[in-house]
Amino acid sequence: MRAYRFFDGFRSGDTARAWLLTIVRHSCYTWMQRNRERPLSVEFDEDCHGIDEDNQVATNPEALLAQLEDAQRLTKALDSLPLPFREVLVMRELEELSYREIAAIADIPVGTVMSRLARGRKLLRERLGQSGD
């Protein structure tokens, strides 16, 4: 709804995805500020999030448990990162956005995106290393 309301603010030189993600980012922060007392968590549902045989991944219970544990360790390590580093890592590695798009969404210079990515990756490696991975 916000995107529709603020469509007049969209400039044709901007990428639509970056413009929309900026609105989503601001809406998310607003929601988080209003609902801070509630824990943010999502239960892992094997039926929704599991890996099927088409992906050529072992489906025996031990392998699936190991994959689930790895995913949980990664999620925990990512959640432990300071928000600025976690935010750019997610946008770059999971959303596959360009540095320029991330800079536009987060309203920071491209150089800051690059330094946050480097520092965030280093912190993530350190956090994963502490857990023996």
N, C-alpha and C. Protein backbone atom coordinates (compact mmCIF):
# COMPACT_ATOMS: atom_id res chain seq x y z
N MET A 1 0.82 -1.18 0.00
CA MET A 1 0.00 0.00 0.00
C MET A 1 0.87 1.26 0.00
N ARG A 2 1.97 1.20 0.75
CA ARG A 2 2.85 2.38 0.80
C ARG A 2 3.43 2.67 -0.58
N ALA A 3 3.82 1.63 -1.29
CA ALA A 3 4.39 1.83 -2.63
C ALA A 3 3.36 2.51 -3.52
N TYR A 4 2.14 2.08 -3.43
CA TYR A 4 1.09 2.68 -4.25
C TYR A 4 0.88 4.15 -3.86
N ARG A 5 0.87 4.42 -2.55
CA ARG A 5 0.68 5.79 -2.08
C ARG A 5 1.82 6.72 -2.49
N PHE A 6 3.03 6.18 -2.50
CA PHE A 6 4.20 7.01 -2.79
C PHE A 6 4.74 6.80 -4.20
N PHE A 7 3.91 6.30 -5.08
CA PHE A 7 4.36 6.05 -6.45
C PHE A 7 4.82 7.32 -7.15
N ASP A 8 4.28 8.45 -6.77
CA ASP A 8 4.71 9.73 -7.35
C ASP A 8 6.18 10.01 -7.06
N GLY A 9 6.72 9.43 -5.98
CA GLY A 9 8.11 9.64 -5.62
C GLY A 9 9.08 8.79 -6.43
N PHE A 10 8.56 7.86 -7.22
CA PHE A 10 9.43 7.01 -8.03
C PHE A 10 9.96 7.79 -9.22
N ARG A 11 11.29 7.78 -9.36
CA ARG A 11 11.93 8.45 -10.50
C ARG A 11 12.32 7.40 -11.51
N SER A 12 12.12 7.69 -12.77
CA SER A 12 12.37 6.70 -13.81
C SER A 12 13.84 6.28 -13.87
N GLY A 13 14.75 7.07 -13.34
CA GLY A 13 16.17 6.71 -13.32
C GLY A 13 16.49 5.65 -12.28
N ASP A 14 15.63 5.49 -11.29
CA ASP A 14 15.84 4.49 -10.24
C ASP A 14 15.40 3.11 -10.73
N THR A 15 15.96 2.09 -10.14
CA THR A 15 15.46 0.75 -10.45
C THR A 15 14.24 0.52 -9.58
N ALA A 16 13.23 -0.09 -10.14
CA ALA A 16 11.98 -0.31 -9.41
C ALA A 16 12.22 -1.20 -8.20
N ARG A 17 13.09 -2.20 -8.34
CA ARG A 17 13.35 -3.12 -7.24
C ARG A 17 13.98 -2.39 -6.05
N ALA A 18 14.96 -1.56 -6.32
CA ALA A 18 15.62 -0.82 -5.25
C ALA A 18 14.65 0.14 -4.58
N TRP A 19 13.83 0.81 -5.38
CA TRP A 19 12.84 1.74 -4.84
C TRP A 19 11.86 1.01 -3.93
N LEU A 20 11.36 -0.13 -4.39
CA LEU A 20 10.39 -0.90 -3.62
C LEU A 20 11.03 -1.46 -2.35
N LEU A 21 12.27 -1.97 -2.45
CA LEU A 21 12.93 -2.51 -1.27
C LEU A 21 13.24 -1.42 -0.24
N THR A 22 13.45 -0.21 -0.69
CA THR A 22 13.64 0.89 0.25
C THR A 22 12.37 1.10 1.06
N ILE A 23 11.23 1.06 0.41
CA ILE A 23 9.95 1.20 1.11
C ILE A 23 9.75 0.04 2.07
N VAL A 24 10.07 -1.18 1.63
CA VAL A 24 9.93 -2.36 2.49
C VAL A 24 10.84 -2.24 3.70
N ARG A 25 12.07 -1.78 3.48
CA ARG A 25 13.04 -1.62 4.57
C ARG A 25 12.52 -0.64 5.61
N HIS A 26 12.05 0.51 5.16
CA HIS A 26 11.54 1.52 6.09
C HIS A 26 10.29 1.01 6.82
N SER A 27 9.43 0.30 6.11
CA SER A 27 8.23 -0.26 6.75
C SER A 27 8.60 -1.29 7.80
N CYS A 28 9.61 -2.09 7.49
CA CYS A 28 10.07 -3.12 8.43
C CYS A 28 10.62 -2.47 9.70
N TYR A 29 11.44 -1.45 9.55
CA TYR A 29 12.00 -0.77 10.71
C TYR A 29 10.90 -0.13 11.55
N THR A 30 9.91 0.45 10.90
CA THR A 30 8.79 1.05 11.63
C THR A 30 8.05 -0.03 12.43
N TRP A 31 7.79 -1.16 11.78
CA TRP A 31 7.09 -2.26 12.45
C TRP A 31 7.91 -2.77 13.62
N MET A 32 9.24 -2.93 13.42
CA MET A 32 10.10 -3.45 14.49
C MET A 32 10.12 -2.50 15.69
N GLN A 33 10.11 -1.21 15.44
CA GLN A 33 10.12 -0.26 16.55
C GLN A 33 8.82 -0.34 17.35
N ARG A 34 7.72 -0.57 16.68
CA ARG A 34 6.43 -0.65 17.36
C ARG A 34 6.25 -1.97 18.10
N ASN A 35 6.93 -3.02 17.67
CA ASN A 35 6.71 -4.37 18.21
C ASN A 35 7.98 -4.97 18.83
N ARG A 36 8.81 -4.15 19.43
CA ARG A 36 10.09 -4.62 19.97
C ARG A 36 9.95 -5.66 21.08
N GLU A 37 8.92 -5.58 21.87
CA GLU A 37 8.81 -6.49 23.00
C GLU A 37 8.51 -7.93 22.58
N ARG A 38 8.07 -8.12 21.38
CA ARG A 38 7.79 -9.47 20.89
C ARG A 38 9.03 -10.05 20.21
N PRO A 39 9.38 -11.32 20.53
CA PRO A 39 10.53 -11.92 19.87
C PRO A 39 10.22 -12.21 18.39
N LEU A 40 11.22 -11.98 17.54
CA LEU A 40 11.06 -12.24 16.12
C LEU A 40 11.67 -13.60 15.80
N SER A 41 10.82 -14.57 15.52
CA SER A 41 11.33 -15.89 15.16
C SER A 41 10.32 -16.59 14.27
N VAL A 42 10.85 -17.47 13.45
CA VAL A 42 10.03 -18.27 12.56
C VAL A 42 10.44 -19.72 12.75
N GLU A 43 9.48 -20.58 12.96
CA GLU A 43 9.77 -21.99 13.12
C GLU A 43 10.15 -22.59 11.77
N PHE A 44 11.11 -23.50 11.79
CA PHE A 44 11.51 -24.19 10.58
C PHE A 44 10.50 -25.29 10.32
N ASP A 45 9.90 -25.27 9.13
CA ASP A 45 8.92 -26.27 8.73
C ASP A 45 9.54 -27.08 7.60
N GLU A 46 9.82 -28.35 7.88
CA GLU A 46 10.49 -29.21 6.89
C GLU A 46 9.71 -29.29 5.59
N ASP A 47 8.37 -29.29 5.65
CA ASP A 47 7.57 -29.37 4.43
C ASP A 47 7.73 -28.13 3.57
N CYS A 48 7.85 -26.97 4.19
CA CYS A 48 8.00 -25.73 3.43
C CYS A 48 9.44 -25.43 3.07
N HIS A 49 10.36 -25.67 4.00
CA HIS A 49 11.74 -25.23 3.83
C HIS A 49 12.71 -26.35 3.54
N GLY A 50 12.24 -27.58 3.55
CA GLY A 50 13.14 -28.71 3.37
C GLY A 50 13.68 -28.81 1.95
N ILE A 51 14.66 -29.67 1.79
CA ILE A 51 15.30 -29.88 0.50
C ILE A 51 14.76 -31.19 -0.06
N ASP A 52 14.35 -31.16 -1.30
CA ASP A 52 13.80 -32.37 -1.90
C ASP A 52 14.85 -33.10 -2.73
N GLU A 53 14.47 -34.26 -3.27
CA GLU A 53 15.40 -35.09 -4.02
C GLU A 53 15.82 -34.46 -5.34
N ASP A 54 15.05 -33.54 -5.88
CA ASP A 54 15.42 -32.89 -7.14
C ASP A 54 16.70 -32.09 -7.03
N ASN A 55 17.05 -31.68 -5.82
CA ASN A 55 18.26 -30.88 -5.61
C ASN A 55 19.50 -31.74 -5.44
N GLN A 56 19.39 -33.05 -5.62
CA GLN A 56 20.51 -33.97 -5.53
C GLN A 56 21.19 -33.94 -4.16
N VAL A 57 20.42 -33.71 -3.12
CA VAL A 57 20.95 -33.68 -1.77
C VAL A 57 20.53 -34.95 -1.06
N ALA A 58 21.43 -35.51 -0.25
CA ALA A 58 21.11 -36.73 0.47
C ALA A 58 19.85 -36.53 1.31
N THR A 59 18.99 -37.52 1.32
CA THR A 59 17.73 -37.39 2.06
C THR A 59 17.68 -38.29 3.28
N ASN A 60 18.81 -38.88 3.67
CA ASN A 60 18.76 -39.71 4.87
C ASN A 60 18.65 -38.81 6.09
N PRO A 61 18.11 -39.32 7.16
CA PRO A 61 17.86 -38.49 8.35
C PRO A 61 19.11 -37.82 8.90
N GLU A 62 20.25 -38.51 8.90
CA GLU A 62 21.48 -37.92 9.43
C GLU A 62 21.92 -36.72 8.60
N ALA A 63 21.88 -36.87 7.28
CA ALA A 63 22.30 -35.77 6.41
C ALA A 63 21.35 -34.58 6.55
N LEU A 64 20.06 -34.86 6.63
CA LEU A 64 19.10 -33.77 6.78
C LEU A 64 19.29 -33.06 8.12
N LEU A 65 19.57 -33.82 9.17
CA LEU A 65 19.80 -33.22 10.48
C LEU A 65 21.06 -32.35 10.45
N ALA A 66 22.10 -32.84 9.79
CA ALA A 66 23.33 -32.06 9.69
C ALA A 66 23.09 -30.76 8.92
N GLN A 67 22.31 -30.84 7.85
CA GLN A 67 21.99 -29.64 7.06
C GLN A 67 21.17 -28.66 7.90
N LEU A 68 20.23 -29.17 8.65
CA LEU A 68 19.40 -28.32 9.51
C LEU A 68 20.26 -27.65 10.59
N GLU A 69 21.16 -28.41 11.19
CA GLU A 69 22.05 -27.85 12.21
C GLU A 69 22.96 -26.77 11.62
N ASP A 70 23.48 -27.02 10.41
CA ASP A 70 24.32 -26.02 9.74
C ASP A 70 23.53 -24.75 9.48
N ALA A 71 22.31 -24.91 9.01
CA ALA A 71 21.46 -23.75 8.72
C ALA A 71 21.15 -22.98 10.00
N GLN A 72 20.91 -23.69 11.08
CA GLN A 72 20.63 -23.04 12.35
C GLN A 72 21.85 -22.29 12.88
N ARG A 73 23.04 -22.89 12.74
CA ARG A 73 24.28 -22.21 13.17
C ARG A 73 24.52 -20.96 12.34
N LEU A 74 24.29 -21.06 11.04
CA LEU A 74 24.47 -19.90 10.17
C LEU A 74 23.47 -18.80 10.52
N THR A 75 22.23 -19.18 10.73
CA THR A 75 21.20 -18.20 11.10
C THR A 75 21.55 -17.53 12.43
N LYS A 76 21.99 -18.33 13.39
CA LYS A 76 22.37 -17.77 14.69
C LYS A 76 23.56 -16.82 14.55
N ALA A 77 24.55 -17.19 13.76
CA ALA A 77 25.72 -16.33 13.55
C ALA A 77 25.30 -15.04 12.84
N LEU A 78 24.45 -15.16 11.84
CA LEU A 78 23.99 -13.98 11.10
C LEU A 78 23.19 -13.07 12.01
N ASP A 79 22.32 -13.65 12.85
CA ASP A 79 21.51 -12.85 13.77
C ASP A 79 22.36 -12.13 14.81
N SER A 80 23.54 -12.67 15.10
CA SER A 80 24.39 -12.05 16.11
C SER A 80 25.17 -10.86 15.56
N LEU A 81 25.19 -10.69 14.25
CA LEU A 81 25.91 -9.56 13.65
C LEU A 81 25.16 -8.25 13.91
N PRO A 82 25.89 -7.16 14.04
CA PRO A 82 25.22 -5.86 14.15
C PRO A 82 24.38 -5.61 12.89
N LEU A 83 23.25 -4.96 13.08
CA LEU A 83 22.28 -4.76 12.00
C LEU A 83 22.87 -4.19 10.71
N PRO A 84 23.73 -3.17 10.75
CA PRO A 84 24.25 -2.63 9.48
C PRO A 84 25.01 -3.67 8.64
N PHE A 85 25.76 -4.55 9.31
CA PHE A 85 26.50 -5.58 8.59
C PHE A 85 25.58 -6.68 8.09
N ARG A 86 24.65 -7.09 8.96
CA ARG A 86 23.70 -8.14 8.59
C ARG A 86 22.83 -7.70 7.41
N GLU A 87 22.42 -6.46 7.45
CA GLU A 87 21.53 -5.93 6.41
C GLU A 87 22.20 -5.98 5.02
N VAL A 88 23.43 -5.49 4.92
CA VAL A 88 24.09 -5.49 3.61
C VAL A 88 24.45 -6.91 3.18
N LEU A 89 24.81 -7.78 4.13
CA LEU A 89 25.10 -9.18 3.77
C LEU A 89 23.87 -9.87 3.19
N VAL A 90 22.74 -9.68 3.82
CA VAL A 90 21.51 -10.31 3.33
C VAL A 90 21.14 -9.77 1.95
N MET A 91 21.24 -8.46 1.79
CA MET A 91 20.88 -7.89 0.48
C MET A 91 21.83 -8.36 -0.62
N ARG A 92 23.12 -8.50 -0.30
CA ARG A 92 24.08 -8.90 -1.32
C ARG A 92 24.06 -10.40 -1.57
N GLU A 93 24.14 -11.20 -0.52
CA GLU A 93 24.30 -12.63 -0.67
C GLU A 93 22.99 -13.38 -0.89
N LEU A 94 21.93 -12.94 -0.26
CA LEU A 94 20.65 -13.65 -0.40
C LEU A 94 19.76 -13.03 -1.47
N GLU A 95 19.69 -11.71 -1.48
CA GLU A 95 18.86 -11.03 -2.47
C GLU A 95 19.60 -10.77 -3.78
N GLU A 96 20.93 -10.94 -3.76
CA GLU A 96 21.78 -10.77 -4.94
C GLU A 96 21.65 -9.38 -5.57
N LEU A 97 21.57 -8.37 -4.72
CA LEU A 97 21.51 -7.00 -5.20
C LEU A 97 22.92 -6.49 -5.49
N SER A 98 23.01 -5.54 -6.40
CA SER A 98 24.30 -4.93 -6.71
C SER A 98 24.69 -3.97 -5.59
N TYR A 99 25.96 -3.59 -5.55
CA TYR A 99 26.41 -2.62 -4.55
C TYR A 99 25.64 -1.31 -4.70
N ARG A 100 25.42 -0.91 -5.92
CA ARG A 100 24.71 0.35 -6.18
C ARG A 100 23.28 0.27 -5.66
N GLU A 101 22.60 -0.87 -5.88
CA GLU A 101 21.23 -1.03 -5.40
C GLU A 101 21.19 -1.02 -3.87
N ILE A 102 22.15 -1.70 -3.24
CA ILE A 102 22.20 -1.71 -1.78
C ILE A 102 22.41 -0.31 -1.24
N ALA A 103 23.31 0.44 -1.89
CA ALA A 103 23.58 1.81 -1.47
C ALA A 103 22.31 2.67 -1.55
N ALA A 104 21.55 2.48 -2.62
CA ALA A 104 20.31 3.25 -2.78
C ALA A 104 19.28 2.87 -1.72
N ILE A 105 19.15 1.58 -1.45
CA ILE A 105 18.16 1.11 -0.49
C ILE A 105 18.51 1.56 0.93
N ALA A 106 19.77 1.39 1.29
CA ALA A 106 20.20 1.72 2.66
C ALA A 106 20.55 3.20 2.82
N ASP A 107 20.56 3.93 1.72
CA ASP A 107 20.87 5.35 1.73
C ASP A 107 22.27 5.62 2.31
N ILE A 108 23.24 4.85 1.78
CA ILE A 108 24.64 5.00 2.18
C ILE A 108 25.50 5.00 0.93
N PRO A 109 26.73 5.51 0.99
CA PRO A 109 27.61 5.49 -0.18
C PRO A 109 28.03 4.06 -0.54
N VAL A 110 28.38 3.85 -1.80
CA VAL A 110 28.80 2.53 -2.28
C VAL A 110 30.04 2.05 -1.52
N GLY A 111 30.95 2.95 -1.23
CA GLY A 111 32.14 2.58 -0.45
C GLY A 111 31.79 2.03 0.91
N THR A 112 30.76 2.58 1.53
CA THR A 112 30.30 2.10 2.83
C THR A 112 29.70 0.71 2.70
N VAL A 113 28.99 0.48 1.59
CA VAL A 113 28.45 -0.86 1.33
C VAL A 113 29.59 -1.86 1.26
N MET A 114 30.64 -1.52 0.51
CA MET A 114 31.77 -2.43 0.33
C MET A 114 32.47 -2.70 1.66
N SER A 115 32.68 -1.67 2.46
CA SER A 115 33.37 -1.88 3.74
C SER A 115 32.50 -2.66 4.72
N ARG A 116 31.19 -2.40 4.72
CA ARG A 116 30.31 -3.17 5.61
C ARG A 116 30.25 -4.63 5.19
N LEU A 117 30.26 -4.88 3.88
CA LEU A 117 30.27 -6.27 3.41
C LEU A 117 31.54 -6.98 3.85
N ALA A 118 32.68 -6.33 3.66
CA ALA A 118 33.95 -6.95 4.05
C ALA A 118 33.99 -7.22 5.55
N ARG A 119 33.59 -6.23 6.32
CA ARG A 119 33.61 -6.39 7.78
C ARG A 119 32.56 -7.40 8.24
N GLY A 120 31.40 -7.37 7.62
CA GLY A 120 30.35 -8.33 7.97
C GLY A 120 30.75 -9.76 7.66
N ARG A 121 31.39 -9.97 6.51
CA ARG A 121 31.87 -11.32 6.15
C ARG A 121 32.92 -11.79 7.14
N LYS A 122 33.81 -10.89 7.54
CA LYS A 122 34.86 -11.24 8.50
C LYS A 122 34.24 -11.62 9.85
N LEU A 123 33.29 -10.81 10.31
CA LEU A 123 32.61 -11.11 11.58
C LEU A 123 31.86 -12.43 11.51
N LEU A 124 31.22 -12.69 10.38
CA LEU A 124 30.48 -13.94 10.21
C LEU A 124 31.43 -15.13 10.26
N ARG A 125 32.58 -15.03 9.57
CA ARG A 125 33.57 -16.10 9.62
C ARG A 125 34.05 -16.33 11.05
N GLU A 126 34.29 -15.23 11.78
CA GLU A 126 34.73 -15.35 13.17
C GLU A 126 33.68 -16.03 14.04
N ARG A 127 32.43 -15.63 13.87
CA ARG A 127 31.35 -16.21 14.67
C ARG A 127 31.18 -17.69 14.35
N LEU A 128 31.28 -18.04 13.10
CA LEU A 128 31.15 -19.45 12.73
C LEU A 128 32.37 -20.24 13.21
N GLY A 129 33.52 -19.61 13.22
CA GLY A 129 34.73 -20.26 13.70
C GLY A 129 34.69 -20.53 15.19
N GLN A 130 34.03 -19.65 15.95
CA GLN A 130 33.92 -19.81 17.39
C GLN A 130 33.08 -21.03 17.75
N SER A 131 32.13 -21.38 16.87
CA SER A 131 31.27 -22.52 17.17
C SER A 131 31.87 -23.81 16.65
N GLY A 132 33.13 -23.76 16.17
CA GLY A 132 33.81 -24.96 15.73
C GLY A 132 33.54 -25.34 14.30
N ASP A 133 32.98 -24.43 13.48
CA ASP A 133 32.68 -24.71 12.07
C ASP A 133 33.77 -24.20 11.16
